[in-house]
């Protein structure tokens, strides 16, 4: 019963899970790993450690991932991965080692989050540029009368800046 429960979790949890041997070859991946990266369990078993050249075509990124696999210290790291269809996605992974040398990886596709973060940064930059280019002093205060945004004309005129 316990094995069945663990297998159901492994197959249906919405995060990528992989089991790798000490030689970096994948031993097993779950359905979310297959769905996200596009490779089937059979394909990755056939390719062995060589699959890393396809997942991480950039040698520097591949070396970083292999080093991450060796450490398997349960810390989270971000990696750009190339899917089977050639798309490059942003992922976040944690890996930990078992007593037999096998490592377990847990990962998420964070591409949408990264794209949203980029859009927010770009919007902030445009807003700050617009505020700075307003003719005359400009400032925004919060409900407690704290200065939260001002342009250089305001700073020059009133000698105040954001705290």
C-alpha atoms as a PDB file:
ATOM      1  CA  UNK A   1       0.000   0.000   0.000  1.00  0.00           C
ATOM      2  CA  UNK A   2       2.776   2.460   0.934  1.00  0.00           C
ATOM      3  CA  UNK A   3       4.601   1.840  -2.346  1.00  0.00           C
ATOM      4  CA  UNK A   4       1.397   2.460  -4.281  1.00  0.00           C
ATOM      5  CA  UNK A   5       0.858   5.759  -2.448  1.00  0.00           C
ATOM      6  CA  UNK A   6       4.406   6.900  -3.185  1.00  0.00           C
ATOM      7  CA  UNK A   7       4.080   5.868  -6.847  1.00  0.00           C
ATOM      8  CA  UNK A   8       0.817   7.832  -7.188  1.00  0.00           C
ATOM      9  CA  UNK A   9       2.446  10.912  -5.659  1.00  0.00           C
ATOM     10  CA  UNK A  10       5.524  10.507  -7.890  1.00  0.00           C
ATOM     11  CA  UNK A  11       3.398  10.230 -11.035  1.00  0.00           C
ATOM     12  CA  UNK A  12       0.875  12.979 -10.305  1.00  0.00           C
ATOM     13  CA  UNK A  13       2.590  15.703  -8.276  1.00  0.00           C
ATOM     14  CA  UNK A  14       2.865  18.922 -10.340  1.00  0.00           C
ATOM     15  CA  UNK A  15       6.648  19.224 -10.001  1.00  0.00           C
ATOM     16  CA  UNK A  16       9.402  17.535 -11.965  1.00  0.00           C
ATOM     17  CA  UNK A  17      11.125  14.687 -10.127  1.00  0.00           C
ATOM     18  CA  UNK A  18      14.159  12.761 -11.324  1.00  0.00           C
ATOM     19  CA  UNK A  19      16.316  10.033  -9.852  1.00  0.00           C
ATOM     20  CA  UNK A  20      19.945   9.979 -11.024  1.00  0.00           C
ATOM     21  CA  UNK A  21      22.809   7.595 -10.451  1.00  0.00           C
ATOM     22  CA  UNK A  22      26.307   8.573  -9.367  1.00  0.00           C
ATOM     23  CA  UNK A  23      27.315   8.605 -13.071  1.00  0.00           C
ATOM     24  CA  UNK A  24      24.676  11.333 -13.717  1.00  0.00           C
ATOM     25  CA  UNK A  25      22.449   9.010 -15.725  1.00  0.00           C
ATOM     26  CA  UNK A  26      18.755   9.344 -15.099  1.00  0.00           C
ATOM     27  CA  UNK A  27      17.219   6.232 -13.602  1.00  0.00           C
ATOM     28  CA  UNK A  28      13.660   7.484 -13.451  1.00  0.00           C
ATOM     29  CA  UNK A  29      11.664  10.642 -14.122  1.00  0.00           C
ATOM     30  CA  UNK A  30       8.042  11.408 -13.377  1.00  0.00           C
ATOM     31  CA  UNK A  31       5.258  12.420 -15.757  1.00  0.00           C
ATOM     32  CA  UNK A  32       5.675  16.130 -15.019  1.00  0.00           C
ATOM     33  CA  UNK A  33       9.368  15.903 -15.970  1.00  0.00           C
ATOM     34  CA  UNK A  34       8.373  14.195 -19.243  1.00  0.00           C
ATOM     35  CA  UNK A  35       5.589  16.730 -19.919  1.00  0.00           C
ATOM     36  CA  UNK A  36       7.727  19.783 -19.180  1.00  0.00           C
ATOM     37  CA  UNK A  37      10.937  18.733 -20.924  1.00  0.00           C
ATOM     38  CA  UNK A  38       9.421  16.604 -23.685  1.00  0.00           C
ATOM     39  CA  UNK A  39      11.608  13.522 -23.285  1.00  0.00           C
ATOM     40  CA  UNK A  40      10.064  10.181 -22.393  1.00  0.00           C
ATOM     41  CA  UNK A  41      11.418   7.917 -19.690  1.00  0.00           C
ATOM     42  CA  UNK A  42      12.554   5.458 -22.378  1.00  0.00           C
ATOM     43  CA  UNK A  43      14.394   8.146 -24.350  1.00  0.00           C
ATOM     44  CA  UNK A  44      16.379   9.398 -21.389  1.00  0.00           C
ATOM     45  CA  UNK A  45      17.286   5.870 -20.277  1.00  0.00           C
ATOM     46  CA  UNK A  46      18.551   5.106 -23.792  1.00  0.00           C
ATOM     47  CA  UNK A  47      20.677   8.276 -23.968  1.00  0.00           C
ATOM     48  CA  UNK A  48      22.257   7.844 -20.524  1.00  0.00           C
ATOM     49  CA  UNK A  49      24.446  10.718 -19.300  1.00  0.00           C
ATOM     50  CA  UNK A  50      24.594  12.043 -22.890  1.00  0.00           C
ATOM     51  CA  UNK A  51      21.135  13.526 -22.420  1.00  0.00           C
ATOM     52  CA  UNK A  52      22.769  16.388 -20.522  1.00  0.00           C
ATOM     53  CA  UNK A  53      24.300  17.651 -23.787  1.00  0.00           C
ATOM     54  CA  UNK A  54      20.793  18.046 -25.165  1.00  0.00           C
ATOM     55  CA  UNK A  55      19.230  19.485 -22.021  1.00  0.00           C
ATOM     56  CA  UNK A  56      22.172  21.844 -21.426  1.00  0.00           C
ATOM     57  CA  UNK A  57      23.823  22.501 -24.827  1.00  0.00           C
ATOM     58  CA  UNK A  58      25.917  25.356 -23.390  1.00  0.00           C
ATOM     59  CA  UNK A  59      29.025  23.651 -21.909  1.00  0.00           C
ATOM     60  CA  UNK A  60      29.267  26.174 -19.056  1.00  0.00           C
ATOM     61  CA  UNK A  61      25.643  25.653 -18.038  1.00  0.00           C
ATOM     62  CA  UNK A  62      26.069  21.866 -18.396  1.00  0.00           C
ATOM     63  CA  UNK A  63      29.136  21.921 -16.121  1.00  0.00           C
ATOM     64  CA  UNK A  64      27.193  23.973 -13.566  1.00  0.00           C
ATOM     65  CA  UNK A  65      24.371  21.436 -13.609  1.00  0.00           C
ATOM     66  CA  UNK A  66      26.747  18.470 -13.298  1.00  0.00           C
ATOM     67  CA  UNK A  67      28.458  20.161 -10.364  1.00  0.00           C
ATOM     68  CA  UNK A  68      25.037  20.784  -8.839  1.00  0.00           C
ATOM     69  CA  UNK A  69      24.247  17.067  -9.280  1.00  0.00           C
ATOM     70  CA  UNK A  70      27.504  16.091  -7.559  1.00  0.00           C
ATOM     71  CA  UNK A  71      26.871  18.358  -4.578  1.00  0.00           C
ATOM     72  CA  UNK A  72      23.186  17.452  -4.149  1.00  0.00           C
ATOM     73  CA  UNK A  73      23.048  19.517  -0.952  1.00  0.00           C
ATOM     74  CA  UNK A  74      19.292  20.223  -1.038  1.00  0.00           C
ATOM     75  CA  UNK A  75      19.795  23.883  -1.961  1.00  0.00           C
ATOM     76  CA  UNK A  76      17.788  25.475  -4.759  1.00  0.00           C
ATOM     77  CA  UNK A  77      19.415  26.692  -7.977  1.00  0.00           C
ATOM     78  CA  UNK A  78      18.110  28.072 -11.243  1.00  0.00           C
ATOM     79  CA  UNK A  79      18.999  26.587 -14.622  1.00  0.00           C
ATOM     80  CA  UNK A  80      18.040  27.274 -18.224  1.00  0.00           C
ATOM     81  CA  UNK A  81      17.055  23.972 -19.836  1.00  0.00           C
ATOM     82  CA  UNK A  82      16.499  23.165 -23.500  1.00  0.00           C
ATOM     83  CA  UNK A  83      13.400  21.063 -24.069  1.00  0.00           C
ATOM     84  CA  UNK A  84      13.167  18.309 -26.673  1.00  0.00           C
ATOM     85  CA  UNK A  85      11.394  20.689 -29.084  1.00  0.00           C
ATOM     86  CA  UNK A  86      14.206  23.261 -28.746  1.00  0.00           C
ATOM     87  CA  UNK A  87      12.525  25.758 -26.430  1.00  0.00           C
ATOM     88  CA  UNK A  88      14.684  27.169 -23.639  1.00  0.00           C
ATOM     89  CA  UNK A  89      12.901  27.380 -20.304  1.00  0.00           C
ATOM     90  CA  UNK A  90      13.863  28.672 -16.873  1.00  0.00           C
ATOM     91  CA  UNK A  91      13.780  26.052 -14.134  1.00  0.00           C
ATOM     92  CA  UNK A  92      14.484  25.914 -10.422  1.00  0.00           C
ATOM     93  CA  UNK A  93      15.915  22.696  -8.907  1.00  0.00           C
ATOM     94  CA  UNK A  94      16.842  21.162  -5.608  1.00  0.00           C
ATOM     95  CA  UNK A  95      18.771  17.882  -5.315  1.00  0.00           C
ATOM     96  CA  UNK A  96      19.542  15.605  -2.429  1.00  0.00           C
ATOM     97  CA  UNK A  97      21.525  12.377  -2.148  1.00  0.00           C
ATOM     98  CA  UNK A  98      20.371   9.057  -0.816  1.00  0.00           C
ATOM     99  CA  UNK A  99      22.671   6.705   1.074  1.00  0.00           C
ATOM    100  CA  UNK A 100      23.278   4.556  -2.044  1.00  0.00           C
ATOM    101  CA  UNK A 101      24.588   7.549  -4.064  1.00  0.00           C
ATOM    102  CA  UNK A 102      21.382   8.062  -6.012  1.00  0.00           C
ATOM    103  CA  UNK A 103      20.203  11.649  -6.057  1.00  0.00           C
ATOM    104  CA  UNK A 104      16.657  12.946  -6.192  1.00  0.00           C
ATOM    105  CA  UNK A 105      15.919  16.154  -8.043  1.00  0.00           C
ATOM    106  CA  UNK A 106      12.801  18.246  -7.614  1.00  0.00           C
ATOM    107  CA  UNK A 107      12.224  20.996 -10.149  1.00  0.00           C
ATOM    108  CA  UNK A 108       9.755  23.560 -11.403  1.00  0.00           C
ATOM    109  CA  UNK A 109       9.334  25.435 -14.648  1.00  0.00           C
ATOM    110  CA  UNK A 110       9.606  29.098 -13.631  1.00  0.00           C
ATOM    111  CA  UNK A 111       9.603  30.566 -17.153  1.00  0.00           C
ATOM    112  CA  UNK A 112       6.313  32.437 -16.721  1.00  0.00           C
ATOM    113  CA  UNK A 113       7.416  33.852 -13.379  1.00  0.00           C
ATOM    114  CA  UNK A 114      10.699  35.068 -14.890  1.00  0.00           C
ATOM    115  CA  UNK A 115       8.900  36.688 -17.812  1.00  0.00           C
ATOM    116  CA  UNK A 116       6.495  38.436 -15.419  1.00  0.00           C
ATOM    117  CA  UNK A 117       9.403  39.652 -13.269  1.00  0.00           C
ATOM    118  CA  UNK A 118      11.052  41.058 -16.396  1.00  0.00           C
ATOM    119  CA  UNK A 119       7.826  42.847 -17.421  1.00  0.00           C
ATOM    120  CA  UNK A 120       7.453  44.342 -13.944  1.00  0.00           C
ATOM    121  CA  UNK A 121      11.075  45.578 -13.946  1.00  0.00           C
ATOM    122  CA  UNK A 122      10.628  47.087 -17.404  1.00  0.00           C
ATOM    123  CA  UNK A 123       7.387  48.811 -16.326  1.00  0.00           C
ATOM    124  CA  UNK A 124       9.103  50.167 -13.212  1.00  0.00           C
ATOM    125  CA  UNK A 125      11.968  51.513 -15.317  1.00  0.00           C
ATOM    126  CA  UNK A 126       9.515  53.239 -17.678  1.00  0.00           C
ATOM    127  CA  UNK A 127       7.596  54.707 -14.751  1.00  0.00           C
ATOM    128  CA  UNK A 128      10.754  56.005 -13.084  1.00  0.00           C
ATOM    129  CA  UNK A 129      11.926  57.489 -16.378  1.00  0.00           C
ATOM    130  CA  UNK A 130       8.557  59.198 -16.892  1.00  0.00           C
ATOM    131  CA  UNK A 131       8.589  60.595 -13.333  1.00  0.00           C
ATOM    132  CA  UNK A 132      12.136  61.868 -13.732  1.00  0.00           C
ATOM    133  CA  UNK A 133      11.253  63.641 -16.990  1.00  0.00           C
ATOM    134  CA  UNK A 134       8.187  65.470 -15.657  1.00  0.00           C
ATOM    135  CA  UNK A 135       8.660  69.220 -15.935  1.00  0.00           C
ATOM    136  CA  UNK A 136       8.735  70.517 -12.369  1.00  0.00           C
ATOM    137  CA  UNK A 137       8.798  68.866  -8.987  1.00  0.00           C
ATOM    138  CA  UNK A 138       6.884  65.618  -8.606  1.00  0.00           C
ATOM    139  CA  UNK A 139       6.348  63.495  -5.505  1.00  0.00           C
ATOM    140  CA  UNK A 140       4.072  60.752  -4.227  1.00  0.00           C
ATOM    141  CA  UNK A 141       3.380  60.274  -0.514  1.00  0.00           C
ATOM    142  CA  UNK A 142       1.811  57.274   1.220  1.00  0.00           C
ATOM    143  CA  UNK A 143      -1.065  57.370   3.740  1.00  0.00           C
ATOM    144  CA  UNK A 144       1.406  58.101   6.569  1.00  0.00           C
ATOM    145  CA  UNK A 145       2.773  61.113   4.652  1.00  0.00           C
ATOM    146  CA  UNK A 146       6.035  59.325   3.834  1.00  0.00           C
ATOM    147  CA  UNK A 147       7.698  60.177   0.556  1.00  0.00           C
ATOM    148  CA  UNK A 148       7.643  57.074  -1.660  1.00  0.00           C
ATOM    149  CA  UNK A 149       8.584  58.488  -5.058  1.00  0.00           C
ATOM    150  CA  UNK A 150      10.023  61.782  -6.290  1.00  0.00           C
ATOM    151  CA  UNK A 151      11.986  63.201  -9.164  1.00  0.00           C
ATOM    152  CA  UNK A 152      15.262  65.116  -9.131  1.00  0.00           C
ATOM    153  CA  UNK A 153      13.441  68.459  -9.464  1.00  0.00           C
ATOM    154  CA  UNK A 154      11.597  67.726  -6.196  1.00  0.00           C
ATOM    155  CA  UNK A 155      14.828  66.637  -4.470  1.00  0.00           C
ATOM    156  CA  UNK A 156      16.571  69.787  -5.675  1.00  0.00           C
ATOM    157  CA  UNK A 157      13.718  72.102  -4.676  1.00  0.00           C
ATOM    158  CA  UNK A 158      12.929  70.610  -1.253  1.00  0.00           C
ATOM    159  CA  UNK A 159      16.186  68.869  -0.361  1.00  0.00           C
ATOM    160  CA  UNK A 160      14.287  65.670   0.494  1.00  0.00           C
ATOM    161  CA  UNK A 161      14.690  62.171  -0.796  1.00  0.00           C
ATOM    162  CA  UNK A 162      12.949  58.852  -0.281  1.00  0.00           C
ATOM    163  CA  UNK A 163      13.705  57.448   3.166  1.00  0.00           C
END
